[in-house]
Amino acid sequence: MSLQQQFNKFEEKIKLTWSDDKLKTIREKDESIRSDIRDAFKEKGYPVKDFFQQGSYATKTTIVPLNDDYDIDVGVVIDNENAPEDPVEVKKTLRDILVARNFKEPKIKMPCVTAQYLKSGEKHFHLDYPVYKKQNNNYFLAVGKEYSNDEQKSWEESDPKGLLEWLKNPINSLEEIEIAQYRRIIKYLKRWRDFKFSDEERKKVYSIGLAVMVGETFIESITTDGDISDIDSLKETINAMLPKYFTFTSNDSQGNPQYEIKVNLPKQPYRDIFTKHGKTVGTIIQKRLTNLKDKLATVIEESSLKKQCEILANDVFGDDFPIPDNDSSDNKKFKEAGFVASPQGA
């Protein structure tokens, strides 16, 4: 048994796919809601031309949520010729559908319509529905809240499908074994985020932000013989992230350095993902990523597999990271001449 085998078991435990049995009820509700959207949009005069799954289900980087609140992102597409001038009109129609289905307080946010589904009074899943109009092969996102003024509302040029393709293979040159490691690194960081950040903090450490950061700085750790080390890949990728996305701004009154985070989307509209919270969460994320990098370095230097796994379970990922019963297993890490560790797309 090796540390990589423990990482493999961990990934197997936390990963989640759209076809997973856990999501059977959610898939059924999603299809039912899509049917209602089709009917209501057709009645309003802007029939749905397409639905497409966005987010981590589409890019195969979804993990089982620690709080049992599953996240569903579905893009809704209408034709440009049928789209109303006011983008919020379409979002109101969608909001009203969710109200009629007794979702808890559906909201029209700037980029989407969102709603929370409760099961026995507990959060079970929440939905995000961005709405797009399509003109030829170009997409435009309906931006605006219910009471936004005209200056705050727009059909914003966007490339949601291009973003999904980028996230699947950031520089279009990764081989399958490298793509698999890249996806695992994203999953590990998501679980670290869920384990190490409070509920309020976690809301501002966006999954799309973590995914783009990994995509632009990913450093593989695979030997020429195909041996894999996820812990080395994770540590070196974080090491590449820190100087790229975090900018020192000042010291606080106690002399502690403060940082701003900025991560731009790699596709239209190229906006800063953390634009609203970059200055408020930048320091928190920077410090915890630095601590994570240092903790991984400690694990790498530890010779006992059991102690390595205990550190990862207790201080990094939580109870889902497996700890062996004893240290009778072989825990040699590869560092031979055939080692490959190269930055991707930095």
Protein backbone atom coordinates (compact mmCIF):
# COMPACT_ATOMS: atom_id res chain seq x y z
CA MET A 1 0.00 0.00 0.00
CA SER A 2 1.24 3.50 -0.84
CA LEU A 3 0.17 7.07 -0.19
CA GLN A 4 -1.06 7.33 -3.78
CA GLN A 5 -3.32 4.33 -3.20
CA GLN A 6 -4.78 6.18 -0.21
CA PHE A 7 -5.40 9.21 -2.42
CA ASN A 8 -7.09 6.93 -4.95
CA LYS A 9 -9.41 5.58 -2.26
CA PHE A 10 -10.12 9.12 -1.08
CA GLU A 11 -11.02 10.31 -4.56
CA GLU A 12 -13.26 7.30 -5.07
CA LYS A 13 -15.12 8.17 -1.87
CA ILE A 14 -15.66 11.87 -2.53
CA LYS A 15 -16.26 11.93 -6.29
CA LEU A 16 -19.78 12.34 -7.63
CA THR A 17 -21.17 11.95 -11.14
CA TRP A 18 -24.53 12.98 -12.57
CA SER A 19 -25.49 9.32 -13.00
CA ASP A 20 -24.77 8.47 -9.35
CA ASP A 21 -27.61 6.76 -7.48
CA LYS A 22 -27.44 9.53 -4.85
CA LEU A 23 -28.79 11.93 -7.45
CA LYS A 24 -31.69 9.85 -8.78
CA THR A 25 -34.37 12.01 -7.15
CA ILE A 26 -32.56 15.20 -8.10
CA ARG A 27 -32.28 14.10 -11.74
CA GLU A 28 -36.03 13.41 -11.82
CA LYS A 29 -36.84 16.82 -10.34
CA ASP A 30 -34.45 18.52 -12.74
CA GLU A 31 -36.19 16.96 -15.74
CA SER A 32 -39.61 17.88 -14.35
CA ILE A 33 -38.54 21.50 -13.84
CA ARG A 34 -37.14 21.64 -17.37
CA SER A 35 -40.54 20.54 -18.65
CA ASP A 36 -42.24 23.37 -16.75
CA ILE A 37 -39.68 25.85 -18.10
CA ARG A 38 -40.32 24.69 -21.67
CA ASP A 39 -44.08 25.16 -21.25
CA ALA A 40 -43.88 28.57 -19.55
CA PHE A 41 -41.26 29.99 -21.92
CA LYS A 42 -43.22 28.82 -24.96
CA GLU A 43 -46.34 30.49 -23.61
CA LYS A 44 -44.43 33.74 -23.12
CA GLY A 45 -43.19 33.70 -26.71
CA TYR A 46 -39.54 32.81 -26.20
CA PRO A 47 -39.43 28.99 -26.47
CA VAL A 48 -36.45 27.10 -25.06
CA LYS A 49 -34.00 25.99 -27.75
CA ASP A 50 -31.59 24.14 -25.49
CA PHE A 51 -30.71 23.12 -21.95
CA PHE A 52 -27.15 22.28 -21.04
CA GLN A 53 -25.47 21.28 -17.85
CA GLN A 54 -22.93 23.71 -16.49
CA GLY A 55 -20.52 23.46 -13.61
CA SER A 56 -18.63 20.52 -12.19
CA TYR A 57 -20.99 17.77 -13.39
CA ALA A 58 -20.15 18.73 -16.95
CA THR A 59 -16.40 18.83 -16.24
CA LYS A 60 -16.33 15.68 -14.05
CA THR A 61 -15.00 17.49 -10.98
CA THR A 62 -18.02 17.21 -8.66
CA ILE A 63 -17.57 16.01 -5.08
CA VAL A 64 -20.04 14.80 -2.47
CA PRO A 65 -20.93 17.87 -0.38
CA LEU A 66 -20.16 17.70 3.33
CA ASN A 67 -23.42 19.50 4.12
CA ASP A 68 -25.57 17.30 1.81
CA ASP A 69 -26.53 20.40 -0.20
CA TYR A 70 -26.04 19.40 -3.83
CA ASP A 71 -25.43 22.10 -6.43
CA ILE A 72 -27.14 21.92 -9.83
CA ASP A 73 -26.29 24.38 -12.64
CA VAL A 74 -28.38 24.29 -15.81
CA GLY A 75 -28.10 26.75 -18.68
CA VAL A 76 -31.35 27.71 -20.43
CA VAL A 77 -31.08 28.95 -24.02
CA ILE A 78 -33.60 30.90 -26.10
CA ASP A 79 -33.27 32.36 -29.61
CA ASN A 80 -32.07 35.93 -30.03
CA GLU A 81 -35.00 36.75 -32.33
CA ASN A 82 -37.53 35.81 -29.65
CA ALA A 83 -35.69 37.24 -26.65
CA PRO A 84 -37.28 40.25 -24.92
CA GLU A 85 -35.23 43.42 -24.75
CA ASP A 86 -35.34 43.29 -20.95
CA PRO A 87 -33.30 40.24 -19.82
CA VAL A 88 -34.90 40.27 -16.37
CA GLU A 89 -38.31 39.52 -17.90
CA VAL A 90 -37.14 36.01 -18.78
CA LYS A 91 -35.66 35.52 -15.31
CA LYS A 92 -38.93 36.55 -13.67
CA THR A 93 -40.72 33.86 -15.66
CA LEU A 94 -38.23 31.28 -14.45
CA ARG A 95 -38.46 32.55 -10.87
CA ASP A 96 -42.25 32.22 -10.96
CA ILE A 97 -41.94 28.58 -12.06
CA LEU A 98 -39.80 27.80 -9.02
CA VAL A 99 -42.21 29.67 -6.74
CA ALA A 100 -45.09 27.57 -8.10
CA ARG A 101 -43.09 24.44 -7.30
CA ASN A 102 -42.69 25.55 -3.68
CA PHE A 103 -38.95 26.09 -3.73
CA LYS A 104 -37.73 28.17 -0.80
CA GLU A 105 -37.41 31.83 -1.74
CA PRO A 106 -36.23 31.67 -5.35
CA LYS A 107 -34.07 34.70 -6.11
CA ILE A 108 -33.14 36.59 -9.23
CA LYS A 109 -29.43 37.22 -8.92
CA MET A 110 -27.31 39.17 -11.38
CA PRO A 111 -26.11 36.14 -13.39
CA CYS A 112 -28.88 33.59 -12.74
CA VAL A 113 -32.05 32.52 -10.98
CA THR A 114 -31.37 30.43 -7.89
CA ALA A 115 -33.48 28.43 -5.47
CA GLN A 116 -33.04 26.11 -2.51
CA TYR A 117 -34.84 22.77 -2.23
CA LEU A 118 -35.46 21.51 1.28
CA LYS A 119 -36.00 17.89 2.29
CA SER A 120 -37.51 17.32 5.74
CA GLY A 121 -36.59 20.91 6.56
CA GLU A 122 -32.92 20.42 5.65
CA LYS A 123 -31.05 21.76 2.62
CA HIS A 124 -30.93 19.03 -0.03
CA PHE A 125 -29.93 20.77 -3.24
CA HIS A 126 -29.95 24.21 -4.78
CA LEU A 127 -30.46 25.19 -8.37
CA ASP A 128 -28.77 27.86 -10.46
CA TYR A 129 -30.37 28.67 -13.81
CA PRO A 130 -28.47 31.15 -15.99
CA VAL A 131 -30.49 32.17 -19.05
CA TYR A 132 -28.87 32.85 -22.43
CA LYS A 133 -30.05 34.10 -25.78
CA LYS A 134 -28.25 32.67 -28.78
CA GLN A 135 -27.45 34.53 -31.98
CA ASN A 136 -25.75 32.33 -34.56
CA ASN A 137 -23.06 30.66 -32.42
CA ASN A 138 -22.79 33.47 -29.89
CA TYR A 139 -24.33 33.40 -26.43
CA PHE A 140 -25.50 36.35 -24.36
CA LEU A 141 -26.20 35.99 -20.64
CA ALA A 142 -29.27 37.60 -19.06
CA VAL A 143 -27.74 39.91 -16.43
CA GLY A 144 -29.75 41.83 -13.86
CA LYS A 145 -31.72 41.53 -10.65
CA GLU A 146 -35.47 42.00 -10.29
CA TYR A 147 -35.23 45.68 -9.38
CA SER A 148 -32.05 46.57 -11.26
CA ASN A 149 -32.09 49.84 -13.16
CA ASP A 150 -31.60 49.86 -16.91
CA GLU A 151 -27.85 50.47 -16.59
CA GLN A 152 -27.47 47.30 -14.51
CA LYS A 153 -29.39 45.07 -16.92
CA SER A 154 -27.94 43.65 -20.11
CA TRP A 155 -27.55 40.70 -22.42
CA GLU A 156 -23.83 40.17 -21.76
CA GLU A 157 -21.71 38.37 -24.33
CA SER A 158 -20.63 35.07 -22.84
CA ASP A 159 -19.07 31.76 -23.86
CA PRO A 160 -20.41 29.16 -21.42
CA LYS A 161 -19.77 26.17 -23.65
CA GLY A 162 -16.29 27.40 -24.51
CA LEU A 163 -15.59 27.68 -20.79
CA LEU A 164 -16.75 24.12 -20.23
CA GLU A 165 -14.46 22.85 -22.98
CA TRP A 166 -11.56 24.83 -21.53
CA LEU A 167 -12.18 23.39 -18.06
CA LYS A 168 -12.20 19.86 -19.45
CA ASN A 169 -8.72 20.29 -20.93
CA PRO A 170 -7.27 23.76 -20.26
CA ILE A 171 -4.61 23.86 -22.95
CA ASN A 172 -5.87 21.08 -25.21
CA SER A 173 -2.67 19.11 -24.89
CA LEU A 174 -3.09 17.09 -21.72
CA GLU A 175 -3.19 13.33 -22.17
CA GLU A 176 -5.87 11.25 -20.47
CA ILE A 177 -3.67 10.27 -17.53
CA GLU A 178 -2.83 13.95 -16.99
CA ILE A 179 -6.45 15.07 -17.32
CA ALA A 180 -7.43 12.52 -14.68
CA GLN A 181 -4.84 13.92 -12.25
CA TYR A 182 -5.88 17.49 -13.07
CA ARG A 183 -9.49 16.64 -12.20
CA ARG A 184 -8.44 14.96 -8.96
CA ILE A 185 -6.48 18.04 -7.89
CA ILE A 186 -9.61 20.17 -8.33
CA LYS A 187 -11.64 17.69 -6.26
CA TYR A 188 -9.04 17.65 -3.49
CA LEU A 189 -9.03 21.44 -3.27
CA LYS A 190 -12.83 21.54 -3.16
CA ARG A 191 -12.91 19.09 -0.26
CA TRP A 192 -10.11 20.99 1.50
CA ARG A 193 -12.18 24.16 1.05
CA ASP A 194 -15.32 22.50 2.43
CA PHE A 195 -13.41 21.07 5.41
CA LYS A 196 -11.25 24.07 6.35
CA PHE A 197 -13.56 27.04 5.72
CA SER A 198 -16.66 28.06 7.65
CA ASP A 199 -20.05 28.04 5.91
CA GLU A 200 -19.93 31.81 5.44
CA GLU A 201 -16.35 31.77 4.13
CA ARG A 202 -16.98 28.82 1.83
CA LYS A 203 -19.69 30.69 -0.09
CA LYS A 204 -17.07 33.16 -1.31
CA VAL A 205 -14.40 30.59 -2.25
CA TYR A 206 -16.04 29.76 -5.56
CA SER A 207 -15.57 26.34 -7.12
CA ILE A 208 -15.16 27.92 -10.56
CA GLY A 209 -12.37 30.06 -9.14
CA LEU A 210 -10.52 27.03 -7.80
CA ALA A 211 -11.01 25.16 -11.08
CA VAL A 212 -9.65 28.02 -13.22
CA MET A 213 -6.69 28.46 -10.88
CA VAL A 214 -5.82 24.78 -11.18
CA GLY A 215 -6.38 24.81 -14.94
CA GLU A 216 -3.93 27.68 -15.47
CA THR A 217 -1.21 26.46 -13.09
CA PHE A 218 -1.57 22.66 -13.07
CA ILE A 219 1.73 20.83 -12.63
CA GLU A 220 1.54 17.14 -13.30
CA SER A 221 3.46 14.58 -11.26
CA ILE A 222 3.71 11.44 -13.37
CA THR A 223 6.83 9.44 -14.18
CA THR A 224 7.69 8.27 -17.66
CA ASP A 225 6.66 4.81 -16.46
CA GLY A 226 3.19 6.10 -15.54
CA ASP A 227 3.66 6.20 -11.75
CA ILE A 228 1.56 8.95 -10.19
CA SER A 229 1.97 11.21 -7.16
CA ASP A 230 -1.08 13.37 -6.50
CA ILE A 231 0.42 14.91 -3.37
CA ASP A 232 3.41 16.25 -5.33
CA SER A 233 1.12 17.55 -8.08
CA LEU A 234 -1.15 19.26 -5.52
CA LYS A 235 1.75 20.86 -3.64
CA GLU A 236 3.51 22.15 -6.79
CA THR A 237 0.27 23.43 -8.31
CA ILE A 238 -0.48 25.42 -5.14
CA ASN A 239 3.09 26.72 -5.19
CA ALA A 240 2.42 28.05 -8.71
CA MET A 241 -0.96 29.54 -7.73
CA LEU A 242 0.22 31.70 -4.85
CA PRO A 243 2.31 34.27 -6.78
CA LYS A 244 -0.02 34.26 -9.80
CA TYR A 245 -3.34 35.16 -8.17
CA PHE A 246 -2.53 36.93 -4.90
CA THR A 247 -1.25 40.50 -4.68
CA PHE A 248 0.07 42.02 -1.47
CA THR A 249 -1.89 45.17 -0.64
CA SER A 250 -0.78 46.31 2.83
CA ASN A 251 -0.15 45.25 6.40
CA ASP A 252 -2.98 45.39 8.91
CA SER A 253 -2.70 47.16 12.28
CA GLN A 254 -0.90 44.12 13.72
CA GLY A 255 1.58 44.03 10.87
CA ASN A 256 0.03 41.03 9.14
CA PRO A 257 0.22 41.08 5.33
CA GLN A 258 -3.06 41.48 3.44
CA TYR A 259 -3.72 40.10 -0.04
CA GLU A 260 -6.17 40.57 -2.88
CA ILE A 261 -7.14 37.67 -5.13
CA LYS A 262 -7.92 38.12 -8.82
CA VAL A 263 -8.83 35.26 -11.17
CA ASN A 264 -10.20 36.10 -14.62
CA LEU A 265 -12.43 33.78 -16.59
CA PRO A 266 -10.46 32.34 -19.53
CA LYS A 267 -13.44 32.88 -21.86
CA GLN A 268 -16.02 35.62 -22.47
CA PRO A 269 -16.82 37.77 -20.56
CA TYR A 270 -13.29 37.42 -19.07
CA ARG A 271 -14.50 38.94 -15.81
CA ASP A 272 -12.76 38.60 -12.46
CA ILE A 273 -14.43 35.66 -10.70
CA PHE A 274 -13.75 37.18 -7.26
CA THR A 275 -14.60 40.75 -8.24
CA LYS A 276 -17.00 41.25 -5.32
CA HIS A 277 -14.90 39.59 -2.63
CA GLY A 278 -11.30 39.71 -3.86
CA LYS A 279 -10.15 42.09 -1.13
CA THR A 280 -12.15 40.45 1.65
CA VAL A 281 -11.30 36.79 1.01
CA GLY A 282 -7.91 37.18 -0.65
CA THR A 283 -5.99 37.17 2.63
CA ILE A 284 -7.95 34.24 4.02
CA ILE A 285 -7.44 32.08 0.93
CA GLN A 286 -3.77 33.04 0.57
CA LYS A 287 -2.94 32.17 4.17
CA ARG A 288 -4.78 28.87 4.08
CA LEU A 289 -3.31 27.84 0.75
CA THR A 290 0.15 28.65 2.15
CA ASN A 291 -0.62 26.56 5.22
CA LEU A 292 -1.88 23.76 2.98
CA LYS A 293 1.32 23.82 0.92
CA ASP A 294 3.41 23.65 4.11
CA LYS A 295 1.28 20.83 5.48
CA LEU A 296 1.70 18.84 2.27
CA ALA A 297 5.47 19.35 2.48
CA THR A 298 5.39 17.92 6.02
CA VAL A 299 3.43 14.90 4.78
CA ILE A 300 5.89 14.31 1.94
CA GLU A 301 8.83 14.30 4.36
CA GLU A 302 7.08 11.92 6.79
CA SER A 303 8.26 8.31 6.44
CA SER A 304 5.29 6.67 8.15
CA LEU A 305 2.32 6.08 5.85
CA LYS A 306 -0.07 5.97 8.79
CA LYS A 307 1.18 9.31 10.11
CA GLN A 308 0.98 10.82 6.63
CA CYS A 309 -2.66 9.79 6.35
CA GLU A 310 -3.46 10.99 9.86
CA ILE A 311 -2.14 14.46 9.00
CA LEU A 312 -4.14 14.54 5.76
CA ALA A 313 -7.33 13.35 7.49
CA ASN A 314 -7.07 15.54 10.59
CA ASP A 315 -5.61 18.73 9.14
CA VAL A 316 -6.42 18.82 5.42
CA PHE A 317 -9.33 16.76 4.09
CA GLY A 318 -11.37 15.37 6.96
CA ASP A 319 -12.51 11.88 7.90
CA ASP A 320 -13.03 10.67 4.35
CA PHE A 321 -9.29 10.40 3.83
CA PRO A 322 -8.47 6.78 4.73
CA ILE A 323 -5.97 5.91 7.48
CA PRO A 324 -4.39 2.44 7.39
CA ASP A 325 -4.57 0.29 10.52
CA ASN A 326 -0.81 -0.16 10.65
CA ASP A 327 2.45 0.80 9.00
CA SER A 328 3.35 -2.57 7.55
CA SER A 329 2.92 -1.28 3.99
CA ASP A 330 5.59 0.00 1.64
CA ASN A 331 5.56 3.80 1.36
CA LYS A 332 8.42 4.61 -0.99
CA LYS A 333 7.86 7.73 -3.05
CA PHE A 334 9.22 7.91 -6.57
CA LYS A 335 12.02 10.34 -7.32
CA GLU A 336 13.86 8.60 -10.12
CA ALA A 337 15.36 10.09 -13.25
CA GLY A 338 12.20 9.50 -15.30
CA PHE A 339 10.15 11.88 -13.14
CA VAL A 340 7.98 14.34 -15.05
CA ALA A 341 6.66 17.50 -13.42
CA SER A 342 5.83 20.27 -15.83
CA PRO A 343 3.63 23.37 -15.59
CA GLN A 344 0.58 23.53 -17.84
CA GLY A 345 -0.74 26.78 -19.24
CA ALA A 346 0.76 29.04 -16.60
